[in-house]
Amino acid sequence: MFNEKMEIELHRKQPPSRSKRKKELYKLLVARSDITASLNSCKQILEKVDGLGHELYYPLYTAVVICYTRPFTNNKPHGALPKKWYTFDDEILSETHNDLISARNELIAHSDMTIKEAYVVPAGCEIGKDGDKPLVSDFIGVQTTMHYFPRPMFEKICNLCMFQGTRINQEIDDLITELYEGMELPSKPFKIRIDNGL
């Protein structure tokens, strides 16, 4: 006997609409672009930056964090990637992903007072060392705390980007096959529209 419960179950088993699959493809293509940019910035740090004081460290660090995390934020109009893209069986990948999200939310895209602190430095305070010799402030000054990733973290981020890129590439290939294989397509590139058409 066909009843309302059976009708609901049949409805749930329907495949996603073409427009929904095209929306997924769009989000994954943009995510792949962002994660690739993060990976490239990360490689630049590992190849060219010799320490936290290097002039390229902070801009590249910022690029690594912002580019990686962008697909996991509420982008308009389609939103963030689904949760499956930020769940991992590997604990190191999971921790690295979460550290990047935290860095974006607390340090890079925002300056949370609980994380980024500001100080007044009175004259006569020790402000660092020159070898074994203490450096002492000659005047009243100010400083803010900065939080940086150590070099090994960028190696973990490279691994995370490679992992994400591999699984995103597979999903993109599957969607392209599903959406466009066997169709008569234009002879030039065409924009992905979020509809049930081409």
N, C-alpha and C. Protein backbone atom coordinates (compact mmCIF):
# COMPACT_ATOMS: atom_id res chain seq x y z
N MET A 1 0.85 -1.19 0.00
CA MET A 1 0.00 0.00 0.00
C MET A 1 0.88 1.24 0.00
N PHE A 2 0.58 2.18 -0.84
CA PHE A 2 1.35 3.42 -0.96
C PHE A 2 0.80 4.44 0.02
N ASN A 3 1.64 4.92 0.92
CA ASN A 3 1.16 5.91 1.88
C ASN A 3 2.12 7.10 1.92
N GLU A 4 1.80 8.06 2.77
CA GLU A 4 2.59 9.30 2.85
C GLU A 4 4.04 9.02 3.22
N LYS A 5 4.29 8.09 4.14
CA LYS A 5 5.65 7.76 4.57
C LYS A 5 6.45 7.20 3.39
N MET A 6 5.86 6.35 2.59
CA MET A 6 6.55 5.79 1.43
C MET A 6 6.84 6.88 0.41
N GLU A 7 5.92 7.82 0.25
CA GLU A 7 6.12 8.92 -0.69
C GLU A 7 7.30 9.78 -0.24
N ILE A 8 7.42 10.05 1.05
CA ILE A 8 8.54 10.82 1.59
C ILE A 8 9.85 10.09 1.35
N GLU A 9 9.88 8.78 1.56
CA GLU A 9 11.09 8.00 1.34
C GLU A 9 11.50 8.03 -0.12
N LEU A 10 10.54 7.91 -1.03
CA LEU A 10 10.85 7.98 -2.46
C LEU A 10 11.41 9.34 -2.83
N HIS A 11 10.84 10.39 -2.25
CA HIS A 11 11.31 11.74 -2.52
C HIS A 11 12.76 11.92 -2.05
N ARG A 12 13.09 11.36 -0.91
CA ARG A 12 14.43 11.50 -0.36
C ARG A 12 15.49 10.81 -1.22
N LYS A 13 15.10 9.78 -1.94
CA LYS A 13 16.06 9.00 -2.71
C LYS A 13 16.31 9.58 -4.10
N GLN A 14 15.62 10.66 -4.46
CA GLN A 14 15.81 11.29 -5.76
C GLN A 14 17.23 11.87 -5.84
N PRO A 15 17.88 11.73 -6.99
CA PRO A 15 19.22 12.32 -7.12
C PRO A 15 19.14 13.84 -7.08
N PRO A 16 20.23 14.49 -6.72
CA PRO A 16 20.22 15.95 -6.69
C PRO A 16 19.93 16.51 -8.08
N SER A 17 19.29 17.65 -8.12
CA SER A 17 18.97 18.29 -9.40
C SER A 17 20.25 18.71 -10.12
N ARG A 18 20.13 18.93 -11.41
CA ARG A 18 21.27 19.39 -12.21
C ARG A 18 21.79 20.72 -11.66
N SER A 19 20.90 21.63 -11.30
CA SER A 19 21.34 22.93 -10.79
C SER A 19 22.12 22.77 -9.48
N LYS A 20 21.68 21.84 -8.64
CA LYS A 20 22.40 21.60 -7.38
C LYS A 20 23.79 21.02 -7.65
N ARG A 21 23.89 20.12 -8.61
CA ARG A 21 25.19 19.53 -8.95
C ARG A 21 26.11 20.59 -9.57
N LYS A 22 25.56 21.51 -10.36
CA LYS A 22 26.36 22.59 -10.96
C LYS A 22 26.85 23.55 -9.86
N LYS A 23 26.01 23.77 -8.88
CA LYS A 23 26.41 24.60 -7.73
C LYS A 23 27.58 23.94 -6.99
N GLU A 24 27.51 22.62 -6.81
CA GLU A 24 28.61 21.89 -6.17
C GLU A 24 29.89 22.02 -7.00
N LEU A 25 29.76 21.87 -8.32
CA LEU A 25 30.92 22.00 -9.20
C LEU A 25 31.54 23.38 -9.07
N TYR A 26 30.70 24.41 -9.12
CA TYR A 26 31.21 25.78 -8.98
C TYR A 26 31.99 25.96 -7.68
N LYS A 27 31.40 25.53 -6.57
CA LYS A 27 32.05 25.70 -5.27
C LYS A 27 33.38 24.94 -5.21
N LEU A 28 33.42 23.76 -5.80
CA LEU A 28 34.66 22.96 -5.78
C LEU A 28 35.73 23.57 -6.68
N LEU A 29 35.34 24.12 -7.83
CA LEU A 29 36.32 24.77 -8.71
C LEU A 29 36.96 25.98 -8.02
N VAL A 30 36.14 26.77 -7.36
CA VAL A 30 36.65 27.94 -6.64
C VAL A 30 37.51 27.49 -5.46
N ALA A 31 37.07 26.46 -4.75
CA ALA A 31 37.84 25.93 -3.61
C ALA A 31 39.20 25.42 -4.08
N ARG A 32 39.23 24.70 -5.21
CA ARG A 32 40.51 24.19 -5.72
C ARG A 32 41.45 25.34 -6.04
N SER A 33 40.93 26.40 -6.62
CA SER A 33 41.74 27.58 -6.93
C SER A 33 42.33 28.18 -5.66
N ASP A 34 41.50 28.33 -4.62
CA ASP A 34 41.96 28.91 -3.35
C ASP A 34 42.98 28.02 -2.65
N ILE A 35 42.72 26.73 -2.62
CA ILE A 35 43.63 25.81 -1.93
C ILE A 35 44.96 25.70 -2.68
N THR A 36 44.91 25.78 -4.00
CA THR A 36 46.15 25.81 -4.79
C THR A 36 46.95 27.07 -4.49
N ALA A 37 46.28 28.20 -4.35
CA ALA A 37 46.97 29.45 -4.00
C ALA A 37 47.62 29.33 -2.61
N SER A 38 46.93 28.71 -1.68
CA SER A 38 47.49 28.49 -0.35
C SER A 38 48.73 27.60 -0.43
N LEU A 39 48.63 26.52 -1.19
CA LEU A 39 49.77 25.60 -1.36
C LEU A 39 50.96 26.33 -1.97
N ASN A 40 50.73 27.13 -3.00
CA ASN A 40 51.83 27.86 -3.65
C ASN A 40 52.48 28.86 -2.69
N SER A 41 51.68 29.55 -1.88
CA SER A 41 52.23 30.48 -0.89
C SER A 41 53.03 29.74 0.17
N CYS A 42 52.53 28.59 0.56
CA CYS A 42 53.20 27.75 1.56
C CYS A 42 54.57 27.30 1.03
N LYS A 43 54.61 26.88 -0.23
CA LYS A 43 55.88 26.46 -0.84
C LYS A 43 56.87 27.61 -0.90
N GLN A 44 56.38 28.82 -1.15
CA GLN A 44 57.26 30.00 -1.18
C GLN A 44 57.89 30.23 0.20
N ILE A 45 57.10 30.05 1.24
CA ILE A 45 57.65 30.20 2.60
C ILE A 45 58.76 29.17 2.82
N LEU A 46 58.49 27.93 2.49
CA LEU A 46 59.46 26.85 2.74
C LEU A 46 60.72 27.01 1.89
N GLU A 47 60.60 27.59 0.69
CA GLU A 47 61.74 27.73 -0.21
C GLU A 47 62.52 29.03 0.00
N LYS A 48 61.84 30.13 0.37
CA LYS A 48 62.48 31.44 0.32
C LYS A 48 62.56 32.19 1.64
N VAL A 49 61.81 31.77 2.63
CA VAL A 49 61.77 32.52 3.90
C VAL A 49 62.63 31.80 4.92
N ASP A 50 63.65 32.52 5.43
CA ASP A 50 64.61 31.88 6.33
C ASP A 50 64.32 32.12 7.81
N GLY A 51 63.24 32.78 8.13
CA GLY A 51 62.91 33.00 9.53
C GLY A 51 61.72 33.92 9.69
N LEU A 52 61.24 34.04 10.93
CA LEU A 52 60.05 34.84 11.21
C LEU A 52 60.25 36.31 10.90
N GLY A 53 61.49 36.80 10.92
CA GLY A 53 61.76 38.20 10.65
C GLY A 53 61.87 38.53 9.17
N HIS A 54 61.83 37.54 8.31
CA HIS A 54 61.94 37.76 6.86
C HIS A 54 60.77 38.61 6.38
N GLU A 55 61.04 39.55 5.48
CA GLU A 55 60.00 40.49 5.02
C GLU A 55 58.83 39.81 4.30
N LEU A 56 59.03 38.63 3.76
CA LEU A 56 57.94 37.92 3.08
C LEU A 56 57.15 37.00 4.01
N TYR A 57 57.65 36.79 5.23
CA TYR A 57 56.98 35.83 6.11
C TYR A 57 55.51 36.21 6.34
N TYR A 58 55.26 37.41 6.86
CA TYR A 58 53.88 37.75 7.24
C TYR A 58 52.93 37.82 6.05
N PRO A 59 53.30 38.45 4.92
CA PRO A 59 52.36 38.44 3.80
C PRO A 59 52.07 37.04 3.26
N LEU A 60 53.08 36.18 3.22
CA LEU A 60 52.84 34.82 2.73
C LEU A 60 52.05 34.00 3.74
N TYR A 61 52.35 34.17 5.02
CA TYR A 61 51.59 33.51 6.09
C TYR A 61 50.11 33.89 5.98
N THR A 62 49.85 35.18 5.79
CA THR A 62 48.48 35.66 5.64
C THR A 62 47.82 35.02 4.41
N ALA A 63 48.53 34.97 3.30
CA ALA A 63 47.99 34.37 2.07
C ALA A 63 47.68 32.89 2.28
N VAL A 64 48.57 32.18 2.95
CA VAL A 64 48.35 30.75 3.22
C VAL A 64 47.04 30.56 3.98
N VAL A 65 46.87 31.33 5.05
CA VAL A 65 45.69 31.17 5.91
C VAL A 65 44.41 31.59 5.19
N ILE A 66 44.41 32.78 4.60
CA ILE A 66 43.20 33.30 3.95
C ILE A 66 42.78 32.42 2.78
N CYS A 67 43.73 32.06 1.92
CA CYS A 67 43.37 31.26 0.74
C CYS A 67 42.86 29.88 1.13
N TYR A 68 43.51 29.23 2.10
CA TYR A 68 43.04 27.90 2.49
C TYR A 68 41.64 27.96 3.09
N THR A 69 41.38 28.93 3.94
CA THR A 69 40.13 28.94 4.71
C THR A 69 38.94 29.53 3.94
N ARG A 70 39.20 30.25 2.87
CA ARG A 70 38.10 30.90 2.13
C ARG A 70 36.97 29.94 1.75
N PRO A 71 37.25 28.73 1.24
CA PRO A 71 36.14 27.83 0.87
C PRO A 71 35.29 27.37 2.06
N PHE A 72 35.79 27.56 3.28
CA PHE A 72 35.08 27.08 4.47
C PHE A 72 34.34 28.21 5.19
N THR A 73 34.22 29.34 4.51
CA THR A 73 33.48 30.48 5.07
C THR A 73 32.21 30.70 4.27
N ASN A 74 31.36 31.57 4.73
CA ASN A 74 30.06 31.78 4.11
C ASN A 74 30.15 32.69 2.89
N ASN A 75 30.64 32.15 1.78
CA ASN A 75 30.78 32.91 0.54
C ASN A 75 29.41 33.15 -0.08
N LYS A 76 29.23 34.33 -0.68
CA LYS A 76 27.95 34.68 -1.30
C LYS A 76 27.97 34.28 -2.77
N PRO A 77 26.91 33.76 -3.31
CA PRO A 77 25.66 33.44 -2.63
C PRO A 77 25.56 31.97 -2.22
N HIS A 78 26.60 31.16 -2.47
CA HIS A 78 26.47 29.72 -2.32
C HIS A 78 26.95 29.13 -1.00
N GLY A 79 27.58 29.93 -0.16
CA GLY A 79 27.99 29.44 1.15
C GLY A 79 29.28 28.65 1.14
N ALA A 80 29.55 28.00 2.26
CA ALA A 80 30.78 27.22 2.46
C ALA A 80 30.65 25.83 1.85
N LEU A 81 31.80 25.19 1.69
CA LEU A 81 31.79 23.79 1.29
C LEU A 81 31.06 22.96 2.35
N PRO A 82 30.45 21.85 1.94
CA PRO A 82 29.79 20.98 2.92
C PRO A 82 30.79 20.40 3.94
N LYS A 83 30.26 19.95 5.04
CA LYS A 83 31.08 19.46 6.16
C LYS A 83 32.03 18.33 5.78
N LYS A 84 31.69 17.53 4.76
CA LYS A 84 32.57 16.41 4.41
C LYS A 84 33.96 16.89 4.01
N TRP A 85 34.09 18.16 3.60
CA TRP A 85 35.39 18.67 3.17
C TRP A 85 36.25 19.14 4.34
N TYR A 86 35.70 19.18 5.54
CA TYR A 86 36.56 19.48 6.69
C TYR A 86 36.43 18.44 7.78
N THR A 87 36.23 17.21 7.35
CA THR A 87 36.36 16.06 8.25
C THR A 87 37.43 15.14 7.69
N PHE A 88 38.25 14.62 8.58
CA PHE A 88 39.42 13.85 8.19
C PHE A 88 39.57 12.63 9.09
N ASP A 89 40.03 11.54 8.52
CA ASP A 89 40.36 10.35 9.32
C ASP A 89 41.71 10.53 10.01
N ASP A 90 42.57 11.34 9.43
CA ASP A 90 43.92 11.57 9.94
C ASP A 90 43.91 12.74 10.94
N GLU A 91 44.40 12.48 12.14
CA GLU A 91 44.37 13.49 13.21
C GLU A 91 45.22 14.72 12.88
N ILE A 92 46.38 14.53 12.25
CA ILE A 92 47.25 15.67 11.91
C ILE A 92 46.58 16.57 10.88
N LEU A 93 45.94 15.97 9.87
CA LEU A 93 45.22 16.77 8.88
C LEU A 93 44.10 17.55 9.56
N SER A 94 43.37 16.90 10.45
CA SER A 94 42.27 17.55 11.16
C SER A 94 42.77 18.72 12.02
N GLU A 95 43.83 18.49 12.77
CA GLU A 95 44.39 19.56 13.62
C GLU A 95 44.91 20.72 12.79
N THR A 96 45.57 20.41 11.68
CA THR A 96 46.11 21.46 10.81
C THR A 96 44.98 22.30 10.24
N HIS A 97 43.94 21.64 9.75
CA HIS A 97 42.77 22.35 9.24
C HIS A 97 42.17 23.26 10.32
N ASN A 98 41.96 22.72 11.51
CA ASN A 98 41.38 23.51 12.61
C ASN A 98 42.27 24.67 13.02
N ASP A 99 43.60 24.47 13.01
CA ASP A 99 44.52 25.56 13.34
C ASP A 99 44.43 26.69 12.31
N LEU A 100 44.27 26.33 11.04
CA LEU A 100 44.13 27.35 10.00
C LEU A 100 42.83 28.12 10.16
N ILE A 101 41.75 27.43 10.47
CA ILE A 101 40.46 28.10 10.68
C ILE A 101 40.56 29.05 11.88
N SER A 102 41.18 28.60 12.96
CA SER A 102 41.35 29.45 14.15
C SER A 102 42.22 30.66 13.84
N ALA A 103 43.31 30.46 13.11
CA ALA A 103 44.19 31.58 12.76
C ALA A 103 43.43 32.61 11.92
N ARG A 104 42.63 32.13 10.99
CA ARG A 104 41.84 33.05 10.17
C ARG A 104 40.86 33.84 11.04
N ASN A 105 40.13 33.15 11.90
CA ASN A 105 39.07 33.78 12.67
C ASN A 105 39.59 34.69 13.78
N GLU A 106 40.74 34.37 14.35
CA GLU A 106 41.22 35.11 15.52
C GLU A 106 42.37 36.07 15.23
N LEU A 107 43.13 35.82 14.16
CA LEU A 107 44.36 36.59 13.94
C LEU A 107 44.43 37.31 12.60
N ILE A 108 43.94 36.68 11.55
CA ILE A 108 44.16 37.22 10.21
C ILE A 108 42.97 38.04 9.73
N ALA A 109 41.79 37.46 9.69
CA ALA A 109 40.61 38.19 9.24
C ALA A 109 40.06 39.10 10.33
N HIS A 110 40.41 38.81 11.57
CA HIS A 110 39.98 39.61 12.72
C HIS A 110 41.17 39.73 13.67
N SER A 111 41.11 40.68 14.58
CA SER A 111 42.13 40.80 15.61
C SER A 111 41.45 40.68 16.97
N ASP A 112 41.21 39.45 17.41
CA ASP A 112 40.53 39.23 18.68
C ASP A 112 41.43 39.65 19.84
N MET A 113 40.88 40.44 20.74
CA MET A 113 41.64 40.98 21.86
C MET A 113 42.17 39.87 22.78
N THR A 114 41.45 38.76 22.85
CA THR A 114 41.91 37.67 23.71
C THR A 114 43.16 36.98 23.15
N ILE A 115 43.40 37.15 21.85
CA ILE A 115 44.56 36.52 21.20
C ILE A 115 45.64 37.54 20.90
N LYS A 116 45.25 38.67 20.32
CA LYS A 116 46.21 39.70 19.92
C LYS A 116 46.21 40.79 20.99
N GLU A 117 47.21 40.75 21.85
CA GLU A 117 47.26 41.67 22.99
C GLU A 117 48.12 42.89 22.67
N ALA A 118 47.82 43.99 23.34
CA ALA A 118 48.59 45.23 23.18
C ALA A 118 49.15 45.65 24.53
N TYR A 119 50.38 46.18 24.54
CA TYR A 119 51.08 46.54 25.78
C TYR A 119 51.69 47.93 25.67
N VAL A 120 51.79 48.59 26.81
CA VAL A 120 52.62 49.78 26.96
C VAL A 120 53.93 49.30 27.56
N VAL A 121 55.04 49.74 26.99
CA VAL A 121 56.36 49.30 27.44
C VAL A 121 57.07 50.49 28.08
N PRO A 122 57.17 50.54 29.43
CA PRO A 122 57.84 51.66 30.10
C PRO A 122 59.35 51.70 29.79
N ALA A 123 59.92 52.85 29.89
CA ALA A 123 61.38 53.00 29.72
C ALA A 123 62.07 52.15 30.77
N GLY A 124 63.16 51.52 30.40
CA GLY A 124 63.94 50.70 31.30
C GLY A 124 63.54 49.23 31.32
N CYS A 125 62.49 48.85 30.58
CA CYS A 125 62.05 47.44 30.52
C CYS A 125 62.92 46.66 29.54
N GLU A 126 63.15 45.39 29.89
CA GLU A 126 63.83 44.50 28.96
C GLU A 126 62.87 44.14 27.84
N ILE A 127 63.30 44.33 26.59
CA ILE A 127 62.44 44.09 25.44
C ILE A 127 62.97 42.99 24.53
N GLY A 128 64.03 42.35 24.94
CA GLY A 128 64.61 41.28 24.14
C GLY A 128 66.05 41.06 24.53
N LYS A 129 66.78 40.31 23.68
CA LYS A 129 68.19 40.03 23.94
C LYS A 129 68.98 40.19 22.66
N ASP A 130 70.21 40.59 22.83
CA ASP A 130 71.19 40.61 21.75
C ASP A 130 72.26 39.61 22.16
N GLY A 131 72.06 38.35 21.72
CA GLY A 131 72.91 37.28 22.24
C GLY A 131 72.54 37.03 23.67
N ASP A 132 73.54 37.19 24.60
CA ASP A 132 73.27 37.03 26.03
C ASP A 132 72.95 38.36 26.70
N LYS A 133 73.17 39.45 25.98
CA LYS A 133 72.99 40.79 26.56
C LYS A 133 71.53 41.23 26.43
N PRO A 134 70.88 41.64 27.55
CA PRO A 134 69.50 42.12 27.48
C PRO A 134 69.41 43.46 26.74
N LEU A 135 68.35 43.61 25.95
CA LEU A 135 68.04 44.89 25.31
C LEU A 135 67.02 45.60 26.18
N VAL A 136 67.28 46.85 26.48
CA VAL A 136 66.42 47.62 27.39
C VAL A 136 65.86 48.82 26.64
N SER A 137 64.57 49.07 26.85
CA SER A 137 63.89 50.20 26.22
C SER A 137 64.40 51.51 26.79
N ASP A 138 64.71 52.48 25.91
CA ASP A 138 65.19 53.81 26.35
C ASP A 138 64.03 54.78 26.57
N PHE A 139 62.84 54.43 26.13
CA PHE A 139 61.70 55.36 26.20
C PHE A 139 60.41 54.55 26.34
N ILE A 140 59.32 55.25 26.62
CA ILE A 140 58.02 54.59 26.69
C ILE A 140 57.60 54.22 25.27
N GLY A 141 57.19 52.99 25.12
CA GLY A 141 56.75 52.52 23.79
C GLY A 141 55.53 51.64 23.91
N VAL A 142 55.15 51.06 22.81
CA VAL A 142 54.02 50.14 22.77
C VAL A 142 54.39 48.93 21.92
N GLN A 143 53.68 47.83 22.14
CA GLN A 143 53.89 46.65 21.31
C GLN A 143 52.61 45.82 21.28
N THR A 144 52.48 45.03 20.24
CA THR A 144 51.38 44.07 20.16
C THR A 144 51.98 42.69 19.98
N THR A 145 51.25 41.70 20.48
CA THR A 145 51.72 40.33 20.31
C THR A 145 51.39 39.85 18.91
N MET A 146 52.23 39.02 18.38
CA MET A 146 52.02 38.40 17.08
C MET A 146 52.12 36.90 17.26
N HIS A 147 51.30 36.17 16.56
CA HIS A 147 51.34 34.71 16.61
C HIS A 147 51.71 34.20 15.23
N TYR A 148 52.72 33.38 15.19
CA TYR A 148 53.21 32.87 13.92
C TYR A 148 53.20 31.35 13.93
N PHE A 149 53.14 30.77 12.73
CA PHE A 149 53.32 29.33 12.59
C PHE A 149 54.79 29.04 12.44
N PRO A 150 55.32 28.06 13.15
CA PRO A 150 56.72 27.65 12.94
C PRO A 150 56.84 26.91 11.61
N ARG A 151 58.05 26.78 11.11
CA ARG A 151 58.30 26.15 9.82
C ARG A 151 57.65 24.77 9.67
N PRO A 152 57.72 23.88 10.66
CA PRO A 152 57.09 22.57 10.48
C PRO A 152 55.57 22.64 10.21
N MET A 153 54.93 23.70 10.69
CA MET A 153 53.49 23.85 10.43
C MET A 153 53.23 24.03 8.93
N PHE A 154 54.11 24.73 8.24
CA PHE A 154 53.91 24.94 6.81
C PHE A 154 54.09 23.64 6.03
N GLU A 155 54.91 22.75 6.54
CA GLU A 155 55.03 21.42 5.92
C GLU A 155 53.71 20.66 6.08
N LYS A 156 53.09 20.77 7.25
CA LYS A 156 51.79 20.13 7.48
C LYS A 156 50.71 20.75 6.59
N ILE A 157 50.77 22.06 6.43
CA ILE A 157 49.78 22.74 5.58
C ILE A 157 49.92 22.29 4.13
N CYS A 158 51.16 22.14 3.66
CA CYS A 158 51.36 21.62 2.30
C CYS A 158 50.71 20.25 2.15
N ASN A 159 50.90 19.38 3.13
CA ASN A 159 50.30 18.05 3.08
C ASN A 159 48.77 18.14 3.07
N LEU A 160 48.22 19.03 3.89
CA LEU A 160 46.78 19.21 3.94
C LEU A 160 46.25 19.70 2.59
N CYS A 161 46.91 20.69 2.01
CA CYS A 161 46.49 21.22 0.70
C CYS A 161 46.54 20.14 -0.38
N MET A 162 47.60 19.33 -0.35
CA MET A 162 47.71 18.25 -1.33
C MET A 162 46.58 17.23 -1.15
N PHE A 163 46.29 16.90 0.09
CA PHE A 163 45.20 15.95 0.38
C PHE A 163 43.86 16.51 -0.11
N GLN A 164 43.58 17.75 0.26
CA GLN A 164 42.33 18.38 -0.15
C GLN A 164 42.24 18.48 -1.67
N GLY A 165 43.36 18.88 -2.29
CA GLY A 165 43.38 19.01 -3.74
C GLY A 165 43.09 17.70 -4.45
N THR A 166 43.65 16.61 -3.94
CA THR A 166 43.43 15.31 -4.56
C THR A 166 41.96 14.90 -4.50
N ARG A 167 41.36 15.06 -3.33
CA ARG A 167 39.96 14.63 -3.24
C ARG A 167 39.01 15.60 -3.92
N ILE A 168 39.35 16.89 -3.97
CA ILE A 168 38.52 17.84 -4.72
C ILE A 168 38.63 17.56 -6.22
N ASN A 169 39.84 17.28 -6.71
CA ASN A 169 40.01 16.96 -8.13
C ASN A 169 39.15 15.76 -8.53
N GLN A 170 39.11 14.74 -7.69
CA GLN A 170 38.31 13.55 -8.01
C GLN A 170 36.84 13.89 -8.09
N GLU A 171 36.37 14.68 -7.15
CA GLU A 171 34.95 15.08 -7.15
C GLU A 171 34.63 15.94 -8.37
N ILE A 172 35.54 16.87 -8.72
CA ILE A 172 35.34 17.70 -9.92
C ILE A 172 35.26 16.82 -11.16
N ASP A 173 36.19 15.89 -11.31
CA ASP A 173 36.17 15.00 -12.47
C ASP A 173 34.85 14.24 -12.56
N ASP A 174 34.38 13.73 -11.42
CA ASP A 174 33.11 12.99 -11.41
C ASP A 174 31.94 13.88 -11.82
N LEU A 175 31.92 15.12 -11.32
CA LEU A 175 30.83 16.04 -11.65
C LEU A 175 30.87 16.44 -13.12
N ILE A 176 32.05 16.70 -13.65
CA ILE A 176 32.16 17.07 -15.07
C ILE A 176 31.64 15.93 -15.94
N THR A 177 32.02 14.70 -15.60
CA THR A 177 31.53 13.54 -16.34
C THR A 177 30.02 13.46 -16.26
N GLU A 178 29.49 13.57 -15.05
CA GLU A 178 28.04 13.47 -14.83
C GLU A 178 27.28 14.57 -15.56
N LEU A 179 27.80 15.79 -15.50
CA LEU A 179 27.06 16.94 -16.02
C LEU A 179 27.22 17.16 -17.53
N TYR A 180 28.39 16.83 -18.09
CA TYR A 180 28.67 17.27 -19.45
C TYR A 180 29.07 16.18 -20.44
N GLU A 181 29.43 14.99 -19.96
CA GLU A 181 29.88 13.97 -20.89
C GLU A 181 28.75 13.56 -21.83
N GLY A 182 29.06 13.47 -23.12
CA GLY A 182 28.09 13.04 -24.12
C GLY A 182 27.17 14.14 -24.60
N MET A 183 27.31 15.36 -24.07
CA MET A 183 26.46 16.47 -24.50
C MET A 183 27.13 17.21 -25.65
N GLU A 184 26.32 17.85 -26.46
CA GLU A 184 26.86 18.74 -27.48
C GLU A 184 27.16 20.07 -26.80
N LEU A 185 28.43 20.44 -26.78
CA LEU A 185 28.86 21.63 -26.04
C LEU A 185 29.31 22.73 -27.00
N PRO A 186 29.26 23.98 -26.57
CA PRO A 186 29.75 25.08 -27.42
C PRO A 186 31.23 24.90 -27.75
N SER A 187 31.69 25.60 -28.77
CA SER A 187 33.09 25.48 -29.19
C SER A 187 34.01 26.45 -28.47
N LYS A 188 33.50 27.12 -27.44
CA LYS A 188 34.32 28.03 -26.63
C LYS A 188 33.91 27.89 -25.17
N PRO A 189 34.77 28.35 -24.24
CA PRO A 189 34.41 28.25 -22.82
C PRO A 189 33.08 28.94 -22.54
N PHE A 190 32.33 28.38 -21.60
CA PHE A 190 31.06 28.99 -21.22
C PHE A 190 30.95 29.00 -19.70
N LYS A 191 30.31 30.04 -19.23
CA LYS A 191 30.19 30.26 -17.79
C LYS A 191 29.22 29.24 -17.17
N ILE A 192 29.61 28.74 -16.00
CA ILE A 192 28.71 27.84 -15.27
C ILE A 192 27.59 28.68 -14.67
N ARG A 193 26.36 28.34 -15.07
CA ARG A 193 25.18 29.00 -14.51
C ARG A 193 24.51 28.00 -13.57
N ILE A 194 23.98 28.50 -12.47
CA ILE A 194 23.34 27.60 -11.51
C ILE A 194 21.87 27.47 -11.89
N ASP A 195 21.65 26.62 -12.89
CA ASP A 195 20.31 26.32 -13.37
C ASP A 195 20.29 24.88 -13.89
N ASN A 196 19.19 24.47 -14.47
CA ASN A 196 19.09 23.10 -14.97
C ASN A 196 19.50 22.96 -16.42
N GLY A 197 19.98 24.05 -17.04
CA GLY A 197 20.42 24.01 -18.43
C GLY A 197 21.86 23.57 -18.55
N LEU A 198 22.48 23.97 -19.66
CA LEU A 198 23.86 23.61 -19.96
C LEU A 198 24.79 24.11 -18.87
